[in-house]
C-alpha atoms as a PDB file:
ATOM      1  CA  MET A   1      14.772  37.158 -10.880  1.00  0.00           C
ATOM      2  CA  GLU A   2      15.214  40.637 -12.152  1.00  0.00           C
ATOM      3  CA  ASN A   3      12.487  43.099 -11.177  1.00  0.00           C
ATOM      4  CA  THR A   4      12.815  46.084 -13.447  1.00  0.00           C
ATOM      5  CA  GLU A   5      10.167  48.228 -15.072  1.00  0.00           C
ATOM      6  CA  ASN A   6      10.683  46.814 -18.494  1.00  0.00           C
ATOM      7  CA  THR A   7      11.201  43.142 -17.541  1.00  0.00           C
ATOM      8  CA  LYS A   8       8.202  40.938 -17.984  1.00  0.00           C
ATOM      9  CA  ASN A   9       7.922  38.049 -15.599  1.00  0.00           C
ATOM     10  CA  ARG A  10       5.186  35.820 -16.967  1.00  0.00           C
ATOM     11  CA  PHE A  11       4.061  32.569 -15.359  1.00  0.00           C
ATOM     12  CA  GLY A  12       1.082  30.365 -16.019  1.00  0.00           C
ATOM     13  CA  LEU A  13      -0.826  27.093 -15.908  1.00  0.00           C
ATOM     14  CA  VAL A  14      -1.046  24.615 -18.715  1.00  0.00           C
ATOM     15  CA  GLY A  15      -4.061  22.304 -18.756  1.00  0.00           C
ATOM     16  CA  LYS A  16      -7.369  21.585 -20.438  1.00  0.00           C
ATOM     17  CA  ASN A  17     -10.618  23.332 -19.483  1.00  0.00           C
ATOM     18  CA  ILE A  18      -8.957  25.125 -16.548  1.00  0.00           C
ATOM     19  CA  ALA A  19     -11.131  28.210 -16.127  1.00  0.00           C
ATOM     20  CA  TYR A  20     -11.690  27.032 -12.485  1.00  0.00           C
ATOM     21  CA  SER A  21      -7.929  27.144 -11.810  1.00  0.00           C
ATOM     22  CA  PHE A  22      -6.674  27.621  -8.207  1.00  0.00           C
ATOM     23  CA  SER A  23      -3.273  28.667  -9.426  1.00  0.00           C
ATOM     24  CA  LYS A  24      -4.170  31.834 -11.266  1.00  0.00           C
ATOM     25  CA  GLY A  25      -5.952  33.391  -8.273  1.00  0.00           C
ATOM     26  CA  TYR A  26      -3.281  32.186  -5.866  1.00  0.00           C
ATOM     27  CA  PHE A  27      -0.361  33.704  -7.765  1.00  0.00           C
ATOM     28  CA  THR A  28      -2.107  36.876  -8.780  1.00  0.00           C
ATOM     29  CA  GLN A  29      -2.770  37.517  -5.180  1.00  0.00           C
ATOM     30  CA  LYS A  30       0.759  36.555  -4.170  1.00  0.00           C
ATOM     31  CA  PHE A  31       2.273  38.927  -6.775  1.00  0.00           C
ATOM     32  CA  SER A  32       0.003  41.763  -5.540  1.00  0.00           C
ATOM     33  CA  GLY A  33       0.914  41.120  -1.870  1.00  0.00           C
ATOM     34  CA  LEU A  34       4.611  41.202  -2.829  1.00  0.00           C
ATOM     35  CA  ASN A  35       4.085  44.339  -4.893  1.00  0.00           C
ATOM     36  CA  LEU A  36       5.527  42.633  -8.007  1.00  0.00           C
ATOM     37  CA  LYS A  37       3.863  44.867 -10.513  1.00  0.00           C
ATOM     38  CA  ASN A  38       5.485  43.403 -13.583  1.00  0.00           C
ATOM     39  CA  TYR A  39       4.725  39.752 -12.706  1.00  0.00           C
ATOM     40  CA  SER A  40       1.666  38.067 -14.174  1.00  0.00           C
ATOM     41  CA  TYR A  41       0.010  34.624 -14.074  1.00  0.00           C
ATOM     42  CA  GLU A  42      -2.306  33.299 -16.733  1.00  0.00           C
ATOM     43  CA  ASN A  43      -4.099  30.173 -17.918  1.00  0.00           C
ATOM     44  CA  PHE A  44      -2.900  28.462 -21.053  1.00  0.00           C
ATOM     45  CA  ASP A  45      -5.902  26.231 -21.895  1.00  0.00           C
ATOM     46  CA  ILE A  46      -4.889  23.818 -24.614  1.00  0.00           C
ATOM     47  CA  GLN A  47      -7.059  21.099 -26.066  1.00  0.00           C
ATOM     48  CA  GLU A  48      -4.071  18.820 -27.045  1.00  0.00           C
ATOM     49  CA  ILE A  49      -0.571  18.556 -25.751  1.00  0.00           C
ATOM     50  CA  THR A  50       0.700  18.981 -29.363  1.00  0.00           C
ATOM     51  CA  GLU A  51      -0.279  22.707 -28.911  1.00  0.00           C
ATOM     52  CA  PHE A  52       2.448  23.115 -26.257  1.00  0.00           C
ATOM     53  CA  LYS A  53       5.221  23.775 -28.713  1.00  0.00           C
ATOM     54  CA  ASP A  54       3.366  26.598 -30.315  1.00  0.00           C
ATOM     55  CA  LEU A  55       2.581  27.968 -26.900  1.00  0.00           C
ATOM     56  CA  ILE A  56       6.314  28.124 -25.988  1.00  0.00           C
ATOM     57  CA  ASP A  57       7.391  29.423 -29.483  1.00  0.00           C
ATOM     58  CA  HIS A  58       4.846  32.332 -29.305  1.00  0.00           C
ATOM     59  CA  ASN A  59       5.475  33.316 -25.635  1.00  0.00           C
ATOM     60  CA  LYS A  60       9.187  33.857 -25.266  1.00  0.00           C
ATOM     61  CA  ASP A  61       8.946  35.815 -21.972  1.00  0.00           C
ATOM     62  CA  ILE A  62       7.522  33.018 -19.874  1.00  0.00           C
ATOM     63  CA  LYS A  63       9.739  32.206 -16.894  1.00  0.00           C
ATOM     64  CA  GLY A  64       7.727  29.304 -15.414  1.00  0.00           C
ATOM     65  CA  LEU A  65       4.731  27.109 -15.818  1.00  0.00           C
ATOM     66  CA  ASN A  66       2.531  24.793 -13.710  1.00  0.00           C
ATOM     67  CA  VAL A  67       1.097  21.811 -15.436  1.00  0.00           C
ATOM     68  CA  THR A  68      -2.288  20.174 -14.529  1.00  0.00           C
ATOM     69  CA  ILE A  69      -4.754  17.611 -15.777  1.00  0.00           C
ATOM     70  CA  PRO A  70      -4.398  15.918 -18.269  1.00  0.00           C
ATOM     71  CA  TYR A  71      -0.841  16.779 -19.183  1.00  0.00           C
ATOM     72  CA  LYS A  72       1.416  15.930 -16.252  1.00  0.00           C
ATOM     73  CA  GLU A  73       2.735  12.884 -18.077  1.00  0.00           C
ATOM     74  CA  ALA A  74       2.143  13.923 -21.655  1.00  0.00           C
ATOM     75  CA  ILE A  75       4.424  16.975 -21.138  1.00  0.00           C
ATOM     76  CA  LEU A  76       7.623  14.924 -20.469  1.00  0.00           C
ATOM     77  CA  PRO A  77       8.785  14.600 -24.100  1.00  0.00           C
ATOM     78  CA  PHE A  78       8.649  18.428 -24.481  1.00  0.00           C
ATOM     79  CA  LEU A  79      11.267  18.967 -21.683  1.00  0.00           C
ATOM     80  CA  ASP A  80      14.973  19.321 -22.044  1.00  0.00           C
ATOM     81  CA  GLN A  81      15.713  18.107 -18.480  1.00  0.00           C
ATOM     82  CA  ILE A  82      13.734  16.355 -15.732  1.00  0.00           C
ATOM     83  CA  ASP A  83      14.529  16.565 -12.010  1.00  0.00           C
ATOM     84  CA  HIS A  84      15.449  13.072 -10.650  1.00  0.00           C
ATOM     85  CA  LYS A  85      12.462  12.938  -8.398  1.00  0.00           C
ATOM     86  CA  ALA A  86      10.041  13.897 -11.098  1.00  0.00           C
ATOM     87  CA  ALA A  87      11.642  11.312 -13.474  1.00  0.00           C
ATOM     88  CA  LYS A  88      11.148   8.616 -10.828  1.00  0.00           C
ATOM     89  CA  ILE A  89       7.542   9.649 -10.392  1.00  0.00           C
ATOM     90  CA  GLY A  90       6.986   9.869 -14.155  1.00  0.00           C
ATOM     91  CA  ALA A  91       5.020  13.153 -14.007  1.00  0.00           C
ATOM     92  CA  VAL A  92       5.836  16.847 -14.019  1.00  0.00           C
ATOM     93  CA  ASN A  93       3.618  19.664 -12.632  1.00  0.00           C
ATOM     94  CA  THR A  94       6.219  22.516 -12.644  1.00  0.00           C
ATOM     95  CA  ILE A  95       8.458  23.805 -15.431  1.00  0.00           C
ATOM     96  CA  LYS A  96      11.294  26.157 -15.073  1.00  0.00           C
ATOM     97  CA  PHE A  97      12.580  28.090 -18.100  1.00  0.00           C
ATOM     98  CA  THR A  98      16.367  28.161 -18.146  1.00  0.00           C
ATOM     99  CA  LYS A  99      19.115  29.083 -20.544  1.00  0.00           C
ATOM    100  CA  GLU A 100      19.682  25.347 -21.033  1.00  0.00           C
ATOM    101  CA  GLY A 101      15.963  24.767 -21.871  1.00  0.00           C
ATOM    102  CA  LEU A 102      12.837  23.586 -20.058  1.00  0.00           C
ATOM    103  CA  VAL A 103      13.374  21.810 -16.781  1.00  0.00           C
ATOM    104  CA  GLY A 104      10.616  19.630 -15.265  1.00  0.00           C
ATOM    105  CA  TYR A 105       9.916  19.158 -11.573  1.00  0.00           C
ATOM    106  CA  ASN A 106       7.214  17.629  -9.371  1.00  0.00           C
ATOM    107  CA  THR A 107       5.966  19.645  -6.439  1.00  0.00           C
ATOM    108  CA  ASP A 108       2.832  17.606  -5.863  1.00  0.00           C
ATOM    109  CA  VAL A 109       4.908  15.303  -3.813  1.00  0.00           C
ATOM    110  CA  PHE A 110       5.740  17.993  -1.339  1.00  0.00           C
ATOM    111  CA  GLY A 111       2.130  19.268  -1.257  1.00  0.00           C
ATOM    112  CA  PHE A 112       0.699  15.802  -0.656  1.00  0.00           C
ATOM    113  CA  GLN A 113       3.127  14.646   1.943  1.00  0.00           C
ATOM    114  CA  ASP A 114       2.991  17.828   3.996  1.00  0.00           C
ATOM    115  CA  SER A 115      -0.843  17.962   3.902  1.00  0.00           C
ATOM    116  CA  ILE A 116      -1.529  14.218   4.700  1.00  0.00           C
ATOM    117  CA  ALA A 117       1.182  13.861   7.345  1.00  0.00           C
ATOM    118  CA  PRO A 118      -0.787  15.513  10.235  1.00  0.00           C
ATOM    119  CA  HIS A 119      -3.704  13.062   9.590  1.00  0.00           C
ATOM    120  CA  LEU A 120      -1.727   9.768   9.565  1.00  0.00           C
ATOM    121  CA  LYS A 121      -2.062   7.486  12.592  1.00  0.00           C
ATOM    122  CA  LYS A 122      -0.269   4.235  13.524  1.00  0.00           C
ATOM    123  CA  HIS A 123      -3.030   2.048  12.093  1.00  0.00           C
ATOM    124  CA  HIS A 124      -2.810   3.773   8.626  1.00  0.00           C
ATOM    125  CA  LYS A 125      -0.624   1.083   7.087  1.00  0.00           C
ATOM    126  CA  LYS A 126      -2.312   0.562   3.724  1.00  0.00           C
ATOM    127  CA  ALA A 127      -3.742   2.917   1.156  1.00  0.00           C
ATOM    128  CA  LEU A 128      -6.047   2.802  -1.856  1.00  0.00           C
ATOM    129  CA  ILE A 129      -5.277   5.270  -4.590  1.00  0.00           C
ATOM    130  CA  LEU A 130      -8.346   5.950  -6.752  1.00  0.00           C
ATOM    131  CA  GLY A 131      -7.278   6.845 -10.342  1.00  0.00           C
ATOM    132  CA  THR A 132      -4.088   6.324 -12.212  1.00  0.00           C
ATOM    133  CA  GLY A 133      -3.346   9.730 -13.738  1.00  0.00           C
ATOM    134  CA  GLY A 134      -0.245  11.928 -13.196  1.00  0.00           C
ATOM    135  CA  ALA A 135      -1.299  13.231  -9.689  1.00  0.00           C
ATOM    136  CA  SER A 136      -1.765   9.561  -8.526  1.00  0.00           C
ATOM    137  CA  LYS A 137       1.899   8.838  -9.256  1.00  0.00           C
ATOM    138  CA  ALA A 138       3.027  11.526  -6.946  1.00  0.00           C
ATOM    139  CA  VAL A 139       0.642  10.144  -4.204  1.00  0.00           C
ATOM    140  CA  ALA A 140       2.088   6.678  -4.764  1.00  0.00           C
ATOM    141  CA  PHE A 141       5.661   7.992  -4.503  1.00  0.00           C
ATOM    142  CA  VAL A 142       4.874   9.575  -1.128  1.00  0.00           C
ATOM    143  CA  PHE A 143       3.308   6.370   0.245  1.00  0.00           C
ATOM    144  CA  ASP A 144       6.403   4.527  -0.900  1.00  0.00           C
ATOM    145  CA  GLU A 145       8.603   6.991   0.906  1.00  0.00           C
ATOM    146  CA  LEU A 146       6.405   6.684   4.107  1.00  0.00           C
ATOM    147  CA  GLY A 147       6.411   2.872   3.960  1.00  0.00           C
ATOM    148  CA  ILE A 148       2.647   2.746   3.493  1.00  0.00           C
ATOM    149  CA  ALA A 149       1.564  -0.149   1.239  1.00  0.00           C
ATOM    150  CA  ARG A 150      -0.595   1.112  -1.609  1.00  0.00           C
ATOM    151  CA  THR A 151      -2.747  -0.239  -4.448  1.00  0.00           C
ATOM    152  CA  PHE A 152      -4.258   1.631  -7.380  1.00  0.00           C
ATOM    153  CA  VAL A 153      -7.942   1.252  -8.135  1.00  0.00           C
ATOM    154  CA  SER A 154      -8.957   1.865 -11.718  1.00  0.00           C
ATOM    155  CA  ARG A 155     -11.933   1.485 -14.012  1.00  0.00           C
ATOM    156  CA  ASN A 156      -9.466  -0.290 -16.376  1.00  0.00           C
ATOM    157  CA  PRO A 157      -7.117  -1.995 -13.953  1.00  0.00           C
ATOM    158  CA  GLU A 158      -3.651  -3.338 -15.102  1.00  0.00           C
ATOM    159  CA  ALA A 159      -1.545  -5.945 -13.339  1.00  0.00           C
ATOM    160  CA  ASN A 160      -1.414  -5.440  -9.491  1.00  0.00           C
ATOM    161  CA  GLN A 161      -4.308  -3.010  -9.657  1.00  0.00           C
ATOM    162  CA  TRP A 162      -7.939  -3.436  -8.501  1.00  0.00           C
ATOM    163  CA  SER A 163     -11.224  -2.514 -10.231  1.00  0.00           C
ATOM    164  CA  TYR A 164     -13.867  -0.734  -8.227  1.00  0.00           C
ATOM    165  CA  ASP A 165     -15.873  -3.966  -8.276  1.00  0.00           C
ATOM    166  CA  ASP A 166     -13.018  -5.763  -6.519  1.00  0.00           C
ATOM    167  CA  LEU A 167     -13.435  -3.586  -3.350  1.00  0.00           C
ATOM    168  CA  ASN A 168     -15.202  -5.486  -0.629  1.00  0.00           C
ATOM    169  CA  GLU A 169     -15.570  -5.311   3.187  1.00  0.00           C
ATOM    170  CA  SER A 170     -12.302  -7.147   3.863  1.00  0.00           C
ATOM    171  CA  ILE A 171     -10.223  -4.759   1.544  1.00  0.00           C
ATOM    172  CA  MET A 172     -11.969  -1.674   2.974  1.00  0.00           C
ATOM    173  CA  ALA A 173     -11.235  -2.804   6.583  1.00  0.00           C
ATOM    174  CA  GLU A 174      -7.530  -3.395   5.702  1.00  0.00           C
ATOM    175  CA  TYR A 175      -6.905  -0.270   3.597  1.00  0.00           C
ATOM    176  CA  THR A 176      -7.792   2.562   5.903  1.00  0.00           C
ATOM    177  CA  VAL A 177      -6.323   5.403   3.812  1.00  0.00           C
ATOM    178  CA  ILE A 178      -8.232   6.246   0.569  1.00  0.00           C
ATOM    179  CA  VAL A 179      -7.125   8.969  -1.774  1.00  0.00           C
ATOM    180  CA  ASN A 180      -9.243  10.277  -4.601  1.00  0.00           C
ATOM    181  CA  CYS A 181      -6.982  11.256  -7.527  1.00  0.00           C
ATOM    182  CA  THR A 182      -9.880  11.238  -9.999  1.00  0.00           C
ATOM    183  CA  PRO A 183     -11.754  14.461 -11.090  1.00  0.00           C
ATOM    184  CA  LEU A 184     -15.074  12.963  -9.899  1.00  0.00           C
ATOM    185  CA  GLY A 185     -16.891  15.440  -7.674  1.00  0.00           C
ATOM    186  CA  THR A 186     -15.229  18.572  -9.074  1.00  0.00           C
ATOM    187  CA  SER A 187     -17.516  21.518  -9.413  1.00  0.00           C
ATOM    188  CA  PRO A 188     -19.930  21.817 -11.065  1.00  0.00           C
ATOM    189  CA  ASN A 189     -20.484  18.047 -11.045  1.00  0.00           C
ATOM    190  CA  ILE A 190     -20.564  17.967  -7.223  1.00  0.00           C
ATOM    191  CA  THR A 191     -22.777  14.884  -6.792  1.00  0.00           C
ATOM    192  CA  ALA A 192     -20.336  12.578  -8.633  1.00  0.00           C
ATOM    193  CA  LYS A 193     -18.011  10.375  -6.539  1.00  0.00           C
ATOM    194  CA  PRO A 194     -15.863   7.297  -7.030  1.00  0.00           C
ATOM    195  CA  SER A 195     -17.767   3.974  -6.913  1.00  0.00           C
ATOM    196  CA  ILE A 196     -16.293   2.510  -3.725  1.00  0.00           C
ATOM    197  CA  PRO A 197     -18.492   0.749  -1.101  1.00  0.00           C
ATOM    198  CA  TYR A 198     -18.901   3.621   1.327  1.00  0.00           C
ATOM    199  CA  LYS A 199     -20.998   1.493   3.705  1.00  0.00           C
ATOM    200  CA  PHE A 200     -17.738  -0.115   4.963  1.00  0.00           C
ATOM    201  CA  LEU A 201     -16.125   3.123   6.038  1.00  0.00           C
ATOM    202  CA  THR A 202     -15.444   3.669   9.749  1.00  0.00           C
ATOM    203  CA  GLU A 203     -13.875   6.182  12.119  1.00  0.00           C
ATOM    204  CA  TRP A 204     -10.555   4.282  11.435  1.00  0.00           C
ATOM    205  CA  HIS A 205     -10.483   5.595   7.832  1.00  0.00           C
ATOM    206  CA  LEU A 206      -8.804   8.600   6.403  1.00  0.00           C
ATOM    207  CA  LEU A 207     -10.285  10.050   3.163  1.00  0.00           C
ATOM    208  CA  PHE A 208      -8.134  12.513   1.197  1.00  0.00           C
ATOM    209  CA  ASP A 209      -9.441  14.193  -1.861  1.00  0.00           C
ATOM    210  CA  LEU A 210      -7.125  16.028  -4.227  1.00  0.00           C
ATOM    211  CA  ILE A 211     -10.170  18.162  -5.282  1.00  0.00           C
ATOM    212  CA  TYR A 212     -10.458  21.544  -3.531  1.00  0.00           C
ATOM    213  CA  ASN A 213     -13.637  22.850  -5.229  1.00  0.00           C
ATOM    214  CA  PRO A 214     -16.077  22.179  -3.689  1.00  0.00           C
ATOM    215  CA  GLU A 215     -14.463  22.276  -0.296  1.00  0.00           C
ATOM    216  CA  LYS A 216     -16.252  19.141   0.749  1.00  0.00           C
ATOM    217  CA  THR A 217     -16.848  16.692  -2.159  1.00  0.00           C
ATOM    218  CA  ALA A 218     -19.553  13.980  -2.125  1.00  0.00           C
ATOM    219  CA  PHE A 219     -16.559  11.515  -1.567  1.00  0.00           C
ATOM    220  CA  LEU A 220     -15.528  13.366   1.599  1.00  0.00           C
ATOM    221  CA  LYS A 221     -19.114  13.762   2.804  1.00  0.00           C
ATOM    222  CA  GLU A 222     -19.620   9.963   2.695  1.00  0.00           C
ATOM    223  CA  GLY A 223     -16.528   9.556   4.834  1.00  0.00           C
ATOM    224  CA  GLU A 224     -17.502  12.280   7.248  1.00  0.00           C
ATOM    225  CA  ALA A 225     -20.950  10.778   7.742  1.00  0.00           C
ATOM    226  CA  ARG A 226     -19.367   7.546   8.939  1.00  0.00           C
ATOM    227  CA  GLY A 227     -16.839   9.175  11.311  1.00  0.00           C
ATOM    228  CA  ALA A 228     -13.798   9.087   9.066  1.00  0.00           C
ATOM    229  CA  ASP A 229     -11.099  11.810   9.125  1.00  0.00           C
ATOM    230  CA  ILE A 230     -11.283  13.907   5.887  1.00  0.00           C
ATOM    231  CA  GLN A 231      -9.009  16.342   4.102  1.00  0.00           C
ATOM    232  CA  ASN A 232      -9.462  18.078   0.784  1.00  0.00           C
ATOM    233  CA  GLY A 233      -6.779  19.268  -1.686  1.00  0.00           C
ATOM    234  CA  HIS A 234      -6.546  22.908  -0.890  1.00  0.00           C
ATOM    235  CA  LYS A 235      -3.566  22.775   1.499  1.00  0.00           C
ATOM    236  CA  MET A 236      -1.750  20.445  -0.966  1.00  0.00           C
ATOM    237  CA  LEU A 237      -2.237  22.996  -3.719  1.00  0.00           C
ATOM    238  CA  ALA A 238      -0.955  25.823  -1.615  1.00  0.00           C
ATOM    239  CA  ILE A 239       2.198  23.968  -0.669  1.00  0.00           C
ATOM    240  CA  GLN A 240       2.940  22.732  -4.129  1.00  0.00           C
ATOM    241  CA  ALA A 241       2.487  26.283  -5.461  1.00  0.00           C
ATOM    242  CA  GLU A 242       4.917  27.718  -2.957  1.00  0.00           C
ATOM    243  CA  LYS A 243       7.472  25.002  -3.846  1.00  0.00           C
ATOM    244  CA  ALA A 244       7.018  25.890  -7.565  1.00  0.00           C
ATOM    245  CA  TRP A 245       7.599  29.560  -6.706  1.00  0.00           C
ATOM    246  CA  GLU A 246      10.741  28.591  -4.836  1.00  0.00           C
ATOM    247  CA  ILE A 247      12.009  26.567  -7.889  1.00  0.00           C
ATOM    248  CA  TRP A 248      11.333  29.376 -10.272  1.00  0.00           C
ATOM    249  CA  ASN A 249      13.397  31.725  -8.057  1.00  0.00           C
ATOM    250  CA  LEU A 250      16.417  29.465  -7.605  1.00  0.00           C
END
């Protein structure tokens, strides 16, 4: 990318109610550290995905965007091209602005795989994915790549999914990796947590929460109290952000 005094290099995050955003702080600090004085990162908080077209039409100097809850899937029709991996996942969290139009990518897969890999043990053969939103699709993709059987758990389960009421001692013993892809437990609602039977957790379990604020969610605390290995979403976010930066600079 050009770095001249009169070239603006604007980046940002598209989402809903995103004042808490990790990305803005991360990239603002990154640009400062790299002495990129004409680079900026801002939050584009939109209440409906239909506002996205106006956002693009009125901000012609944007070079790249990240996409977060709840628009990782809803954004797809607004893109001109979609990377093959993102298309297979069915969700986009990174957009590059090119002469040919808007190109969508998914960097969540890199973030999740690289951050969960150090925690996986030989007995981690099956996983429960809590939630069915855009981020959960990247998580499922990674488990498929790793050969880990996975099942979605939802409040409104579809075919081949379980409801929270379906989870029992037998399932919990068999599925020793549990990933929270719901927003339950995000600050300021820090006492909220998915309705799984925590009493069946053991030291054989690995609990991964995509949430990073608070650092230790109620979900993770329940696991930790029973000896489970735990990991929050901070490392995943940092890795996916770096991958987005790499894509924007290709």
